[in-house]
C-alpha atoms as a PDB file:
ATOM      1  CA  MET A   1      72.067  41.335  -6.385  1.00  0.00           C
ATOM      2  CA  THR A   2      75.854  41.570  -6.831  1.00  0.00           C
ATOM      3  CA  ALA A   3      77.906  43.533  -4.317  1.00  0.00           C
ATOM      4  CA  CYS A   4      79.308  46.795  -5.660  1.00  0.00           C
ATOM      5  CA  VAL A   5      82.994  47.446  -6.210  1.00  0.00           C
ATOM      6  CA  LEU A   6      83.929  51.043  -5.431  1.00  0.00           C
ATOM      7  CA  LEU A   7      86.663  52.855  -7.363  1.00  0.00           C
ATOM      8  CA  LEU A   8      88.519  55.807  -5.871  1.00  0.00           C
ATOM      9  CA  GLY A   9      91.047  57.398  -8.179  1.00  0.00           C
ATOM     10  CA  GLY A  10      93.314  60.302  -7.395  1.00  0.00           C
ATOM     11  CA  SER A  11      96.818  61.673  -7.401  1.00  0.00           C
ATOM     12  CA  PHE A  12      97.171  60.988  -3.653  1.00  0.00           C
ATOM     13  CA  ASP A  13     100.031  63.494  -3.480  1.00  0.00           C
ATOM     14  CA  PRO A  14      99.580  63.021  -0.574  1.00  0.00           C
ATOM     15  CA  VAL A  15      96.574  60.912   0.388  1.00  0.00           C
ATOM     16  CA  HIS A  16      94.584  62.541   3.196  1.00  0.00           C
ATOM     17  CA  ASN A  17      91.655  62.142   5.580  1.00  0.00           C
ATOM     18  CA  GLY A  18      89.214  63.439   2.971  1.00  0.00           C
ATOM     19  CA  HIS A  19      89.968  60.404   0.808  1.00  0.00           C
ATOM     20  CA  LEU A  20      89.318  58.120   3.786  1.00  0.00           C
ATOM     21  CA  ALA A  21      86.026  59.873   4.542  1.00  0.00           C
ATOM     22  CA  LEU A  22      84.910  59.568   0.921  1.00  0.00           C
ATOM     23  CA  GLY A  23      85.609  55.835   0.883  1.00  0.00           C
ATOM     24  CA  ARG A  24      83.921  55.230   4.217  1.00  0.00           C
ATOM     25  CA  ALA A  25      80.829  57.216   3.259  1.00  0.00           C
ATOM     26  CA  PHE A  26      80.132  55.206   0.122  1.00  0.00           C
ATOM     27  CA  VAL A  27      81.085  51.831   1.576  1.00  0.00           C
ATOM     28  CA  GLN A  28      78.428  52.448   4.206  1.00  0.00           C
ATOM     29  CA  LEU A  29      75.899  53.973   1.814  1.00  0.00           C
ATOM     30  CA  LEU A  30      76.165  51.217  -0.814  1.00  0.00           C
ATOM     31  CA  GLY A  31      77.181  48.212   1.276  1.00  0.00           C
ATOM     32  CA  ALA A  32      80.137  47.668  -1.044  1.00  0.00           C
ATOM     33  CA  ALA A  33      82.237  44.518  -1.161  1.00  0.00           C
ATOM     34  CA  GLU A  34      85.510  46.237  -2.014  1.00  0.00           C
ATOM     35  CA  LEU A  35      87.170  49.606  -2.480  1.00  0.00           C
ATOM     36  CA  ARG A  36      89.825  49.891  -5.168  1.00  0.00           C
ATOM     37  CA  VAL A  37      92.161  52.815  -4.600  1.00  0.00           C
ATOM     38  CA  ILE A  38      93.742  53.834  -7.902  1.00  0.00           C
ATOM     39  CA  PRO A  39      96.773  56.171  -7.820  1.00  0.00           C
ATOM     40  CA  ALA A  40      96.628  58.156 -11.033  1.00  0.00           C
ATOM     41  CA  VAL A  41      98.964  59.748 -13.529  1.00  0.00           C
ATOM     42  CA  PRO A  42      96.414  62.354 -14.583  1.00  0.00           C
ATOM     43  CA  TRP A  43      96.837  64.165 -17.885  1.00  0.00           C
ATOM     44  CA  GLN A  44      95.155  67.332 -16.579  1.00  0.00           C
ATOM     45  CA  LYS A  45      97.495  68.005 -13.646  1.00  0.00           C
ATOM     46  CA  SER A  46     100.956  69.492 -13.482  1.00  0.00           C
ATOM     47  CA  ALA A  47     103.954  67.473 -12.344  1.00  0.00           C
ATOM     48  CA  LEU A  48     103.432  65.546  -9.134  1.00  0.00           C
ATOM     49  CA  VAL A  49     105.832  65.813  -6.199  1.00  0.00           C
ATOM     50  CA  ALA A  50     105.905  62.237  -4.894  1.00  0.00           C
ATOM     51  CA  THR A  51     106.863  59.384  -7.195  1.00  0.00           C
ATOM     52  CA  ALA A  52     104.295  56.875  -8.376  1.00  0.00           C
ATOM     53  CA  GLN A  53     105.660  54.272  -5.968  1.00  0.00           C
ATOM     54  CA  GLN A  54     105.558  56.704  -3.054  1.00  0.00           C
ATOM     55  CA  ARG A  55     101.971  57.648  -3.809  1.00  0.00           C
ATOM     56  CA  ALA A  56     100.986  53.971  -3.992  1.00  0.00           C
ATOM     57  CA  ASP A  57     102.803  53.339  -0.705  1.00  0.00           C
ATOM     58  CA  MET A  58     101.002  56.221   0.997  1.00  0.00           C
ATOM     59  CA  ALA A  59      97.629  55.022  -0.273  1.00  0.00           C
ATOM     60  CA  ALA A  60      98.284  51.536   1.101  1.00  0.00           C
ATOM     61  CA  LEU A  61      99.291  52.956   4.485  1.00  0.00           C
ATOM     62  CA  ALA A  62      96.289  55.272   4.680  1.00  0.00           C
ATOM     63  CA  PHE A  63      93.702  52.564   4.048  1.00  0.00           C
ATOM     64  CA  ALA A  64      95.463  49.687   5.845  1.00  0.00           C
ATOM     65  CA  ASP A  65      93.256  49.766   8.946  1.00  0.00           C
ATOM     66  CA  GLU A  66      89.896  50.310   7.290  1.00  0.00           C
ATOM     67  CA  PRO A  67      87.313  47.675   8.315  1.00  0.00           C
ATOM     68  CA  TYR A  68      86.521  46.680   4.732  1.00  0.00           C
ATOM     69  CA  ARG A  69      88.454  45.196   1.824  1.00  0.00           C
ATOM     70  CA  VAL A  70      90.780  47.686   0.148  1.00  0.00           C
ATOM     71  CA  VAL A  71      92.925  46.992  -2.915  1.00  0.00           C
ATOM     72  CA  VAL A  72      95.533  49.465  -4.161  1.00  0.00           C
ATOM     73  CA  ASP A  73      95.204  49.119  -7.932  1.00  0.00           C
ATOM     74  CA  ARG A  74      98.455  50.073  -9.708  1.00  0.00           C
ATOM     75  CA  GLN A  75      97.257  49.877 -13.284  1.00  0.00           C
ATOM     76  CA  GLU A  76      97.428  53.609 -14.014  1.00  0.00           C
ATOM     77  CA  ILE A  77     100.900  54.154 -12.588  1.00  0.00           C
ATOM     78  CA  ASP A  78     102.147  50.943 -14.206  1.00  0.00           C
ATOM     79  CA  ARG A  79     101.199  52.325 -17.626  1.00  0.00           C
ATOM     80  CA  GLY A  80     103.984  54.833 -17.148  1.00  0.00           C
ATOM     81  CA  ARG A  81     102.163  57.665 -18.899  1.00  0.00           C
ATOM     82  CA  PRO A  82      99.321  60.099 -18.278  1.00  0.00           C
ATOM     83  CA  THR A  83      96.066  58.224 -18.535  1.00  0.00           C
ATOM     84  CA  TYR A  84      92.334  58.798 -18.882  1.00  0.00           C
ATOM     85  CA  THR A  85      89.759  57.564 -16.389  1.00  0.00           C
ATOM     86  CA  VAL A  86      87.766  56.030 -19.220  1.00  0.00           C
ATOM     87  CA  GLU A  87      90.762  53.813 -20.074  1.00  0.00           C
ATOM     88  CA  THR A  88      90.918  52.545 -16.525  1.00  0.00           C
ATOM     89  CA  LEU A  89      87.196  51.842 -16.359  1.00  0.00           C
ATOM     90  CA  ARG A  90      87.363  49.903 -19.623  1.00  0.00           C
ATOM     91  CA  ALA A  91      90.262  47.837 -18.284  1.00  0.00           C
ATOM     92  CA  LEU A  92      88.424  47.139 -15.025  1.00  0.00           C
ATOM     93  CA  ARG A  93      85.271  46.182 -16.872  1.00  0.00           C
ATOM     94  CA  THR A  94      87.286  43.673 -18.926  1.00  0.00           C
ATOM     95  CA  GLN A  95      88.999  42.359 -15.810  1.00  0.00           C
ATOM     96  CA  LEU A  96      85.968  42.099 -13.527  1.00  0.00           C
ATOM     97  CA  GLY A  97      83.314  41.215 -16.078  1.00  0.00           C
ATOM     98  CA  ALA A  98      80.256  42.809 -17.591  1.00  0.00           C
ATOM     99  CA  THR A  99      77.858  42.228 -14.695  1.00  0.00           C
ATOM    100  CA  VAL A 100      79.770  43.547 -11.672  1.00  0.00           C
ATOM    101  CA  PRO A 101      78.419  46.906 -10.469  1.00  0.00           C
ATOM    102  CA  LEU A 102      81.266  49.432 -10.552  1.00  0.00           C
ATOM    103  CA  CYS A 103      80.877  52.712  -8.689  1.00  0.00           C
ATOM    104  CA  PHE A 104      83.333  55.495  -9.438  1.00  0.00           C
ATOM    105  CA  LEU A 105      83.645  57.941  -6.542  1.00  0.00           C
ATOM    106  CA  MET A 106      84.384  61.633  -6.904  1.00  0.00           C
ATOM    107  CA  GLY A 107      84.044  64.912  -5.060  1.00  0.00           C
ATOM    108  CA  ALA A 108      81.912  67.834  -6.151  1.00  0.00           C
ATOM    109  CA  ASP A 109      84.993  69.636  -7.477  1.00  0.00           C
ATOM    110  CA  GLN A 110      85.577  66.821  -9.950  1.00  0.00           C
ATOM    111  CA  LEU A 111      81.942  66.824 -11.046  1.00  0.00           C
ATOM    112  CA  GLN A 112      82.239  70.524 -11.813  1.00  0.00           C
ATOM    113  CA  ARG A 113      85.030  69.735 -14.310  1.00  0.00           C
ATOM    114  CA  LEU A 114      83.609  66.491 -15.642  1.00  0.00           C
ATOM    115  CA  ASP A 115      82.935  67.874 -19.111  1.00  0.00           C
ATOM    116  CA  THR A 116      86.694  68.415 -19.558  1.00  0.00           C
ATOM    117  CA  TRP A 117      87.421  64.701 -19.052  1.00  0.00           C
ATOM    118  CA  HIS A 118      88.209  62.608 -22.107  1.00  0.00           C
ATOM    119  CA  ALA A 119      85.079  60.823 -23.420  1.00  0.00           C
ATOM    120  CA  TRP A 120      83.251  61.771 -20.241  1.00  0.00           C
ATOM    121  CA  ARG A 121      79.845  60.567 -21.418  1.00  0.00           C
ATOM    122  CA  ASP A 122      81.291  57.077 -21.909  1.00  0.00           C
ATOM    123  CA  LEU A 123      81.937  56.866 -18.178  1.00  0.00           C
ATOM    124  CA  PHE A 124      78.228  56.247 -17.609  1.00  0.00           C
ATOM    125  CA  THR A 125      78.290  53.151 -19.803  1.00  0.00           C
ATOM    126  CA  LEU A 126      81.112  51.650 -17.741  1.00  0.00           C
ATOM    127  CA  ALA A 127      80.248  52.527 -14.140  1.00  0.00           C
ATOM    128  CA  HIS A 128      77.909  54.338 -11.808  1.00  0.00           C
ATOM    129  CA  LEU A 129      79.103  57.814 -10.814  1.00  0.00           C
ATOM    130  CA  CYS A 130      78.881  58.642  -7.124  1.00  0.00           C
ATOM    131  CA  VAL A 131      79.518  62.159  -5.874  1.00  0.00           C
ATOM    132  CA  ALA A 132      80.095  63.416  -2.353  1.00  0.00           C
ATOM    133  CA  THR A 133      78.967  67.009  -2.048  1.00  0.00           C
ATOM    134  CA  ARG A 134      79.577  69.809   0.393  1.00  0.00           C
ATOM    135  CA  PRO A 135      76.749  71.495   2.332  1.00  0.00           C
ATOM    136  CA  GLY A 136      74.712  73.740   0.061  1.00  0.00           C
ATOM    137  CA  PHE A 137      75.749  72.045  -3.176  1.00  0.00           C
ATOM    138  CA  THR A 138      73.089  71.692  -5.883  1.00  0.00           C
ATOM    139  CA  LEU A 139      73.278  70.162  -9.341  1.00  0.00           C
ATOM    140  CA  ASP A 140      71.558  73.176 -10.835  1.00  0.00           C
ATOM    141  CA  GLY A 141      74.061  75.580  -9.305  1.00  0.00           C
ATOM    142  CA  PRO A 142      76.253  77.820 -11.471  1.00  0.00           C
ATOM    143  CA  ASP A 143      79.399  75.748 -10.906  1.00  0.00           C
ATOM    144  CA  VAL A 144      78.097  72.583 -12.580  1.00  0.00           C
ATOM    145  CA  PRO A 145      78.193  72.631 -16.394  1.00  0.00           C
ATOM    146  CA  ARG A 146      74.695  72.371 -17.851  1.00  0.00           C
ATOM    147  CA  ALA A 147      75.445  69.234 -19.885  1.00  0.00           C
ATOM    148  CA  VAL A 148      76.930  67.492 -16.845  1.00  0.00           C
ATOM    149  CA  ALA A 149      74.001  68.461 -14.634  1.00  0.00           C
ATOM    150  CA  ALA A 150      71.499  67.191 -17.193  1.00  0.00           C
ATOM    151  CA  GLU A 151      73.268  63.856 -17.641  1.00  0.00           C
ATOM    152  CA  PHE A 152      73.763  63.368 -13.926  1.00  0.00           C
ATOM    153  CA  THR A 153      70.226  64.374 -12.948  1.00  0.00           C
ATOM    154  CA  ALA A 154      68.612  62.085 -15.522  1.00  0.00           C
ATOM    155  CA  ARG A 155      70.441  59.119 -13.989  1.00  0.00           C
ATOM    156  CA  LEU A 156      69.961  59.896 -10.271  1.00  0.00           C
ATOM    157  CA  ALA A 157      68.924  56.845  -8.291  1.00  0.00           C
ATOM    158  CA  ALA A 158      68.516  55.706  -4.716  1.00  0.00           C
ATOM    159  CA  PRO A 159      71.744  54.125  -3.387  1.00  0.00           C
ATOM    160  CA  GLN A 160      70.220  50.658  -3.099  1.00  0.00           C
ATOM    161  CA  ARG A 161      69.572  50.551  -6.844  1.00  0.00           C
ATOM    162  CA  LEU A 162      73.225  50.809  -7.820  1.00  0.00           C
ATOM    163  CA  CYS A 163      74.086  47.254  -6.842  1.00  0.00           C
ATOM    164  CA  GLY A 164      71.265  45.969  -9.031  1.00  0.00           C
ATOM    165  CA  GLN A 165      72.917  46.807 -12.357  1.00  0.00           C
ATOM    166  CA  PRO A 166      76.481  47.180 -13.657  1.00  0.00           C
ATOM    167  CA  ALA A 167      76.538  50.860 -14.649  1.00  0.00           C
ATOM    168  CA  GLY A 168      74.575  53.885 -15.787  1.00  0.00           C
ATOM    169  CA  LEU A 169      73.223  55.416 -12.585  1.00  0.00           C
ATOM    170  CA  THR A 170      74.325  58.312 -10.412  1.00  0.00           C
ATOM    171  CA  CYS A 171      74.201  58.839  -6.683  1.00  0.00           C
ATOM    172  CA  ILE A 172      74.884  61.735  -4.331  1.00  0.00           C
ATOM    173  CA  ALA A 173      76.074  61.587  -0.736  1.00  0.00           C
ATOM    174  CA  PRO A 174      75.006  65.034   0.471  1.00  0.00           C
ATOM    175  CA  ASP A 175      76.741  67.219   3.001  1.00  0.00           C
ATOM    176  CA  LEU A 176      79.988  65.307   3.324  1.00  0.00           C
ATOM    177  CA  ALA A 177      81.678  68.264   4.983  1.00  0.00           C
ATOM    178  CA  VAL A 178      85.312  67.343   4.381  1.00  0.00           C
ATOM    179  CA  ASP A 179      87.208  70.345   3.071  1.00  0.00           C
ATOM    180  CA  VAL A 180      90.708  68.944   2.593  1.00  0.00           C
ATOM    181  CA  SER A 181      92.949  69.115  -0.444  1.00  0.00           C
ATOM    182  CA  SER A 182      96.346  67.667  -1.242  1.00  0.00           C
ATOM    183  CA  THR A 183      97.416  71.068  -2.542  1.00  0.00           C
ATOM    184  CA  ALA A 184      96.633  72.734   0.784  1.00  0.00           C
ATOM    185  CA  ILE A 185      98.487  69.995   2.637  1.00  0.00           C
ATOM    186  CA  ARG A 186     101.570  70.356   0.449  1.00  0.00           C
ATOM    187  CA  THR A 187     101.503  74.115   1.021  1.00  0.00           C
ATOM    188  CA  ALA A 188     101.272  73.589   4.774  1.00  0.00           C
ATOM    189  CA  LEU A 189     104.197  71.175   4.757  1.00  0.00           C
ATOM    190  CA  GLU A 190     106.272  73.484   2.582  1.00  0.00           C
ATOM    191  CA  ASN A 191     105.752  76.243   5.129  1.00  0.00           C
ATOM    192  CA  GLY A 192     106.409  74.135   8.195  1.00  0.00           C
ATOM    193  CA  ILE A 193     102.776  74.115   9.319  1.00  0.00           C
ATOM    194  CA  ASP A 194     101.531  71.054  11.182  1.00  0.00           C
ATOM    195  CA  ALA A 195      99.226  69.017   8.915  1.00  0.00           C
ATOM    196  CA  GLY A 196      98.852  66.054  11.259  1.00  0.00           C
ATOM    197  CA  SER A 197      95.107  66.571  11.649  1.00  0.00           C
ATOM    198  CA  LEU A 198      94.619  66.221   7.881  1.00  0.00           C
ATOM    199  CA  ILE A 199      96.743  63.161   7.136  1.00  0.00           C
ATOM    200  CA  PRO A 200      96.645  59.624   8.606  1.00  0.00           C
ATOM    201  CA  ALA A 201      99.527  59.198  11.063  1.00  0.00           C
ATOM    202  CA  PRO A 202     101.256  56.393   9.084  1.00  0.00           C
ATOM    203  CA  VAL A 203     101.254  58.632   6.002  1.00  0.00           C
ATOM    204  CA  LEU A 204     102.757  61.555   7.902  1.00  0.00           C
ATOM    205  CA  ASP A 205     105.465  59.229   9.222  1.00  0.00           C
ATOM    206  CA  TYR A 206     106.162  58.092   5.652  1.00  0.00           C
ATOM    207  CA  ILE A 207     106.430  61.699   4.468  1.00  0.00           C
ATOM    208  CA  GLU A 208     108.937  62.445   7.214  1.00  0.00           C
ATOM    209  CA  GLN A 209     110.983  59.301   6.607  1.00  0.00           C
ATOM    210  CA  HIS A 210     111.231  59.930   2.860  1.00  0.00           C
ATOM    211  CA  LYS A 211     111.723  63.697   3.199  1.00  0.00           C
ATOM    212  CA  LEU A 212     108.824  64.451   0.883  1.00  0.00           C
ATOM    213  CA  TYR A 213     107.716  67.988   0.125  1.00  0.00           C
ATOM    214  CA  LYS A 214     109.792  71.060   0.775  1.00  0.00           C
ATOM    215  CA  LYS A 215     109.528  71.061   4.535  1.00  0.00           C
ATOM    216  CA  TYR A 216     111.876  68.103   4.648  1.00  0.00           C
ATOM    217  CA  ASN A 217     114.290  69.050   1.835  1.00  0.00           C
END
């Protein structure tokens, strides 16, 4: 059995404690060898506040003290253009080889929009999809598109199975009760509200030093 490599993509504008909790939950659940944190230039989102370099810096600071191997993967921001997740997974598959189990992590909010992602069905051929859900979440709920729910449910597997094959399975970490969003944090900072309980201390220091977000402008 080959150890899994976890992939956590996101804007990280800014990175927050919810991202850390998501990584920790699946490292523990899957016994992963490595977490790759991938700052994105997503095509679906409006303009980001922090620069690509600043977002990569914040991601590195946030995960620096985690007790497992973390790599900040710059491939999406180095492309210099909005990018699709499927592109990144194809590049990682080429880089890491056909047999390494890749597990792409996402929150329930991303799963609910999965059918809007470019070539979303191809994601299953390149990686396992692992979702952390909030209490009360169900795949057959009204917020999950029917096609997504059907695809995800058909591939559901016990966590220990994911490291036995390269891709194609799905996994749920239920009741990960972390209700944090970068948007809410930016709004708090813009309005002078203390967000220190939501952001790792080194990241908050970085935000202050670089005068990021409107609170510091």
